[in-house]
Structure formats: C-alpha cells, structure tokens
Protein backbone atom coordinates (compact mmCIF):
# COMPACT_ATOMS: atom_id res chain seq x y z
CA LEU A 1 9.47 11.33 -2.78
CA LYS A 2 11.65 13.53 -5.15
CA GLN A 3 11.38 16.28 -3.12
CA LYS A 4 13.61 13.92 -0.48
CA LEU A 5 15.63 12.88 -2.76
CA LYS A 6 19.21 14.93 -4.03
CA ASN A 7 19.74 13.04 -7.11
CA TYR A 8 17.45 10.89 -9.76
CA LYS A 9 17.09 10.65 -13.24
CA GLU A 10 13.47 10.84 -14.97
CA LYS A 11 12.30 7.74 -16.97
CA VAL A 12 9.78 6.62 -19.06
CA TYR A 13 9.61 2.61 -19.25
CA GLY A 14 6.88 1.67 -22.02
CA ASP A 15 3.95 4.03 -21.26
CA ILE A 16 4.38 4.42 -17.41
CA LYS A 17 6.73 7.24 -16.08
CA GLY A 18 9.02 7.14 -13.42
CA PHE A 19 12.74 7.87 -11.69
CA GLU A 20 15.43 6.03 -10.89
CA PHE A 21 18.26 6.49 -8.30
CA ARG A 22 20.71 4.87 -6.09
CA ALA A 23 20.12 3.47 -1.76
CA LYS A 24 22.26 2.02 0.60
CA LYS A 25 19.96 -0.96 -0.91
CA GLY A 26 21.41 -0.65 -4.29
CA LYS A 27 19.26 0.82 -7.96
CA VAL A 28 15.75 2.17 -6.74
CA ILE A 29 13.22 2.45 -9.66
CA ALA A 30 9.90 4.44 -8.73
CA ILE A 31 6.99 4.41 -11.06
CA LYS A 32 3.84 6.75 -10.17
CA GLY A 33 1.48 4.20 -10.26
CA CYS A 34 -2.30 5.04 -11.68
CA VAL A 35 -5.18 3.76 -9.50
CA GLY A 36 -6.88 0.67 -8.58
CA LYS A 37 -6.00 -2.90 -9.34
CA ALA A 38 -5.84 -3.35 -13.19
CA ASN A 39 -3.52 -0.53 -13.73
CA THR A 40 -1.38 -1.77 -10.85
CA ALA A 41 -1.25 -5.18 -11.89
CA TYR A 42 -0.38 -3.82 -15.44
CA ASP A 43 2.65 -1.38 -13.89
CA ILE A 44 3.86 -4.31 -12.13
CA GLY A 45 3.88 -6.84 -14.18
CA TYR A 46 5.22 -4.91 -16.91
CA MET A 47 8.11 -3.72 -14.71
CA ALA A 48 8.71 -7.54 -14.15
CA ALA A 49 9.18 -8.66 -17.09
CA LYS A 50 11.86 -5.75 -17.67
CA TYR A 51 13.67 -5.74 -15.08
CA ASP A 52 14.99 -8.72 -12.39
CA ILE A 53 13.00 -6.81 -9.03
CA LYS A 54 14.20 -8.06 -6.34
CA ARG A 55 11.77 -6.15 -3.36
CA ILE A 56 8.55 -4.19 -4.10
CA ILE A 57 7.08 -1.61 -1.89
CA ASN A 58 4.37 0.25 -2.96
CA TYR A 59 3.31 3.54 -0.76
CA GLY A 60 0.86 5.85 -0.98
CA VAL A 61 -2.32 7.16 1.30
CA ALA A 62 -5.63 5.17 2.45
CA GLY A 63 -8.93 5.62 4.59
CA SER A 64 -8.88 5.07 8.10
CA LEU A 65 -11.09 2.44 9.46
CA VAL A 66 -10.75 2.66 13.32
CA ASP A 67 -10.68 5.95 15.22
CA GLU A 68 -7.27 6.44 16.65
CA LEU A 69 -5.58 6.81 13.20
CA VAL A 70 -6.35 10.28 12.19
CA PRO A 71 -4.80 11.75 8.67
CA LEU A 72 -1.16 12.15 8.98
CA LYS A 73 -0.88 8.70 11.08
CA VAL A 74 0.87 5.81 9.22
CA VAL A 75 0.17 2.19 8.32
CA VAL A 76 2.40 -0.76 7.17
CA ALA A 77 0.66 -4.07 6.12
CA ASP A 78 1.52 -7.41 7.64
CA LYS A 79 -1.02 -9.04 5.50
CA VAL A 80 -3.74 -7.53 2.95
CA CYS A 81 -6.59 -8.92 1.22
CA TYR A 82 -9.43 -7.61 -1.23
CA TYR A 83 -12.92 -6.47 0.26
CA ASP A 84 -14.76 -6.58 -3.01
CA CYS A 85 -14.26 -10.15 -4.49
CA ASP A 86 -16.78 -12.47 -3.51
CA LEU A 87 -16.78 -16.31 -4.87
CA THR A 88 -18.85 -17.81 -2.01
CA SER A 89 -21.13 -18.99 -4.12
CA GLY A 90 -18.76 -20.72 -6.37
CA GLY A 91 -17.03 -22.92 -3.43
CA ASP A 92 -15.69 -23.13 -0.08
CA TYR A 93 -14.43 -19.37 -0.31
CA LYS A 94 -14.39 -16.72 2.34
CA LEU A 95 -15.39 -13.16 1.14
CA GLY A 96 -12.02 -11.74 -0.18
CA GLN A 97 -10.60 -14.44 -0.81
CA MET A 98 -9.43 -14.70 -5.06
CA ALA A 99 -9.15 -18.52 -6.29
CA GLY A 100 -6.59 -20.65 -6.08
CA GLU A 101 -4.95 -18.13 -3.09
CA GLU A 102 -5.30 -17.76 0.52
CA LEU A 103 -7.51 -14.82 2.04
CA TYR A 104 -4.51 -12.55 2.92
CA PHE A 105 -1.18 -12.25 1.21
CA GLU A 106 1.61 -12.18 3.95
CA THR A 107 4.33 -8.96 3.82
CA ASP A 108 7.63 -9.09 3.62
CA LYS A 109 8.89 -10.02 7.29
CA LYS A 110 12.40 -8.29 7.30
CA VAL A 111 10.79 -5.02 6.22
CA LEU A 112 8.56 -5.27 9.25
CA LYS A 113 11.55 -5.86 11.61
CA VAL A 114 13.38 -3.16 10.48
CA LEU A 115 10.34 -0.87 11.27
CA GLU A 116 10.33 -2.44 14.20
CA LYS A 117 13.89 -0.53 15.17
CA LEU A 118 13.08 2.53 13.67
CA ASN A 119 13.56 5.94 15.42
CA THR A 120 10.63 8.31 15.12
CA THR A 121 8.38 10.51 15.95
CA LEU A 122 5.91 9.51 13.28
CA ASP A 123 3.03 7.43 14.40
CA ILE A 124 3.69 3.54 12.78
CA SER A 125 0.83 1.18 13.24
CA VAL A 126 1.01 -2.42 11.97
CA GLY A 127 -1.83 -4.43 10.56
CA THR A 128 -4.22 -5.59 8.34
CA ILE A 129 -4.99 -3.85 4.65
CA ILE A 130 -8.23 -4.47 3.17
CA SER A 131 -8.16 -3.31 -0.96
CA GLY A 132 -10.43 -2.92 -3.27
CA ASP A 133 -12.00 -0.79 -6.64
CA SER A 134 -14.12 1.89 -4.98
CA PHE A 135 -13.41 5.17 -3.28
CA ALA A 136 -13.97 3.92 0.43
CA THR A 137 -16.89 6.18 2.53
CA LYS A 138 -19.65 4.93 5.16
CA SER A 139 -22.20 3.62 2.57
CA ASN A 140 -19.91 1.21 1.66
CA MET A 141 -17.98 0.47 4.43
CA THR A 142 -20.63 -0.77 6.56
CA ASP A 143 -20.76 -2.95 9.57
CA GLU A 144 -21.59 -6.59 7.71
CA LEU A 145 -18.95 -6.16 5.56
CA LEU A 146 -16.06 -5.39 7.58
CA LYS A 147 -16.57 -8.51 10.37
CA ASN A 148 -15.44 -10.55 8.11
CA PHE A 149 -11.76 -9.59 8.18
CA ASP A 150 -9.20 -9.28 10.43
CA ASN A 151 -9.45 -5.96 12.24
CA PRO A 152 -8.36 -3.92 9.07
CA LEU A 153 -6.68 -0.55 9.88
CA CYS A 154 -7.23 0.99 6.75
CA VAL A 155 -8.48 0.77 3.03
CA ASP A 156 -7.05 1.43 -0.14
CA MET A 157 -7.35 0.64 -4.01
CA GLU A 158 -4.14 -1.31 -4.90
CA SER A 159 -2.92 -3.50 -1.94
CA GLY A 160 -4.42 -6.12 -3.14
CA ALA A 161 -3.26 -5.70 -6.33
CA THR A 162 0.27 -5.50 -5.19
CA ALA A 163 0.04 -8.46 -2.86
CA GLN A 164 -1.12 -10.49 -4.88
CA ILE A 165 0.78 -9.98 -8.36
CA SER A 166 4.04 -10.07 -5.72
CA HIS A 167 3.16 -13.20 -4.74
CA ARG A 168 2.41 -15.08 -8.06
CA LEU A 169 5.98 -13.36 -9.34
CA ASN A 170 7.93 -14.65 -5.26
CA ILE A 171 9.06 -11.23 -5.08
CA PRO A 172 8.67 -9.84 -1.12
CA PHE A 173 6.13 -7.06 -1.10
CA THR A 174 5.88 -3.70 1.51
CA ILE A 175 2.67 -1.76 1.68
CA ILE A 176 3.54 1.36 3.32
CA ARG A 177 0.15 3.53 4.14
CA ALA A 178 -0.23 7.21 5.16
CA ILE A 179 -4.35 7.77 6.78
CA SER A 180 -5.59 11.09 4.41
CA ASP A 181 -9.28 10.26 5.44
CA LYS A 182 -11.39 8.55 7.95
CA VAL A 183 -14.11 6.65 6.35
CA PHE A 184 -16.87 7.01 8.02
CA ALA A 185 -16.47 11.02 8.40
CA GLU A 186 -19.69 12.94 6.84
CA ASP A 187 -16.81 14.65 4.55
CA ASN A 188 -13.83 11.99 3.95
CA GLY A 189 -13.82 13.27 0.62
CA GLY A 190 -12.94 16.50 1.19
CA MET A 191 -10.49 15.34 4.40
CA PHE A 192 -8.60 13.26 1.68
CA ALA A 193 -8.05 16.52 -0.74
CA GLU A 194 -6.83 18.04 2.51
CA PHE A 195 -4.33 15.64 3.72
CA CYS A 196 -3.40 13.53 0.29
CA GLU A 197 -0.16 15.34 -0.03
CA MET A 198 1.10 15.51 3.10
CA SER A 199 0.05 12.72 4.00
CA SER A 200 2.39 10.89 1.07
CA ARG A 201 5.36 12.67 2.23
CA ARG A 202 5.01 10.97 5.74
CA ALA A 203 4.48 7.99 3.63
CA ALA A 204 7.61 8.35 1.61
CA SER A 205 9.81 9.15 4.56
CA ILE A 206 9.11 5.39 5.90
CA VAL A 207 10.24 4.31 1.96
CA LEU A 208 13.49 6.17 2.14
CA HIS A 209 14.10 4.57 5.74
CA ILE A 210 13.33 1.24 4.49
CA LEU A 211 15.85 1.95 1.54
CA ASN A 212 19.12 3.57 3.78
CA ASN A 213 18.44 2.06 6.69
CA GLU A 214 17.98 5.53 8.25
CA TYR A 215 15.07 7.95 8.89
CA VAL A 216 14.32 10.94 6.63
CA ASP A 217 11.98 13.35 8.33
C-alpha cells in the first residue's frame, strides 16, 4: 500500500505499527495487522477505543477453494463466517455460528456497489469467505467441512474476527482478499510464498479505489 502512496506519515498506536494518509474520503489510518483472530480483534478494538472509526477495510491474501480462482485474482466478500467455531452440541447452532450471532456477517453494501462500477482489468469475484485460525490445506479443508457453508470462494485467518468485531461496534466493514495459493494444491505453502507479495499489491489497488473512487493499477 505504501508503494502506491505519494505521502504518508509513519505512526505507532500503542504497540501497533501503522501510518496515516489523506484520501478523497478523508483521513485514513492503516495498521499492519498480526495473524489470527485474537490479534485482529485486539487491533480493531484498540483502534476503535482511540478513534471515531467510520469504516473498516481489511485486506490481504487468502487461499482459493475453487478451481477458477488462481493466484493474483481478487475476492471481495459479501458475507463472512468462521469455519472453526462449533457450538452445535450446546444449542441450536449451525457449524461456524458464534453464540449470539447469525452464521454470516454481511459486509458493507455501499462498497460492493462501488466495486460493481469498477473499470479495471483485475479479475474480481464477490462471494463468501470463510475464516479460522489455521493455515488452510487440503487436509483440513475437507468436503465434509465445506458443505456446511454457502459456496465459499476462499479462506483466510482474519476475516471472521474483523467481521464480528465490526458488527459489534456497528461499523461497516469490507473484506478484500487477493488469492495467494490454491488450498487443494500439493504445495500450497510454496505457492503462498511465491505469490503473497504480488497478490497483496492487487488487493491494495482495490483499497485505494474505494478510498479515492478511482482505479489505481
């Protein structure tokens, strides 16, 4: 993201590293999130306690769960859920559903409408993202697991926490993921290492379009 900006100011928020810049939509605070649900919840909660946040955009990379989504393609979530939350034995819950919540957390519809009008050569798909605290591989993303969800396109480790915390804070949120690997490939870990940085650049381009209402390649 920094590579695509002309001006920004490095900042530290408590123990969270980040930077600030101006966009057409106003002041933007960007933080470098850590891996996993607890870290993500901490980061968002800390920042929300310090600032009057109007909108949250979480972007990064994810593993593809469908053949047509190959590395460097982009997924924007219309809804998000956990895949590793299981309260089914303790009440009338579906797999992935957190206590007191619906199964799916719906993303910012205004941003989805903006993306519908995006004139770009980037390949963007809109659909379900599932999330949990494990690096996804063919051994843990089984057919038995995936059949519980609405045709998920990809899987990551932070979207679920971003969605739940944003929902509780009543802040609209957007999840953008560029594909870094194919989950069912033999060496998806190696694929992740190869495409992670390039895919992140693709996702950053979409973030800047949302903030500026113009496409940045």
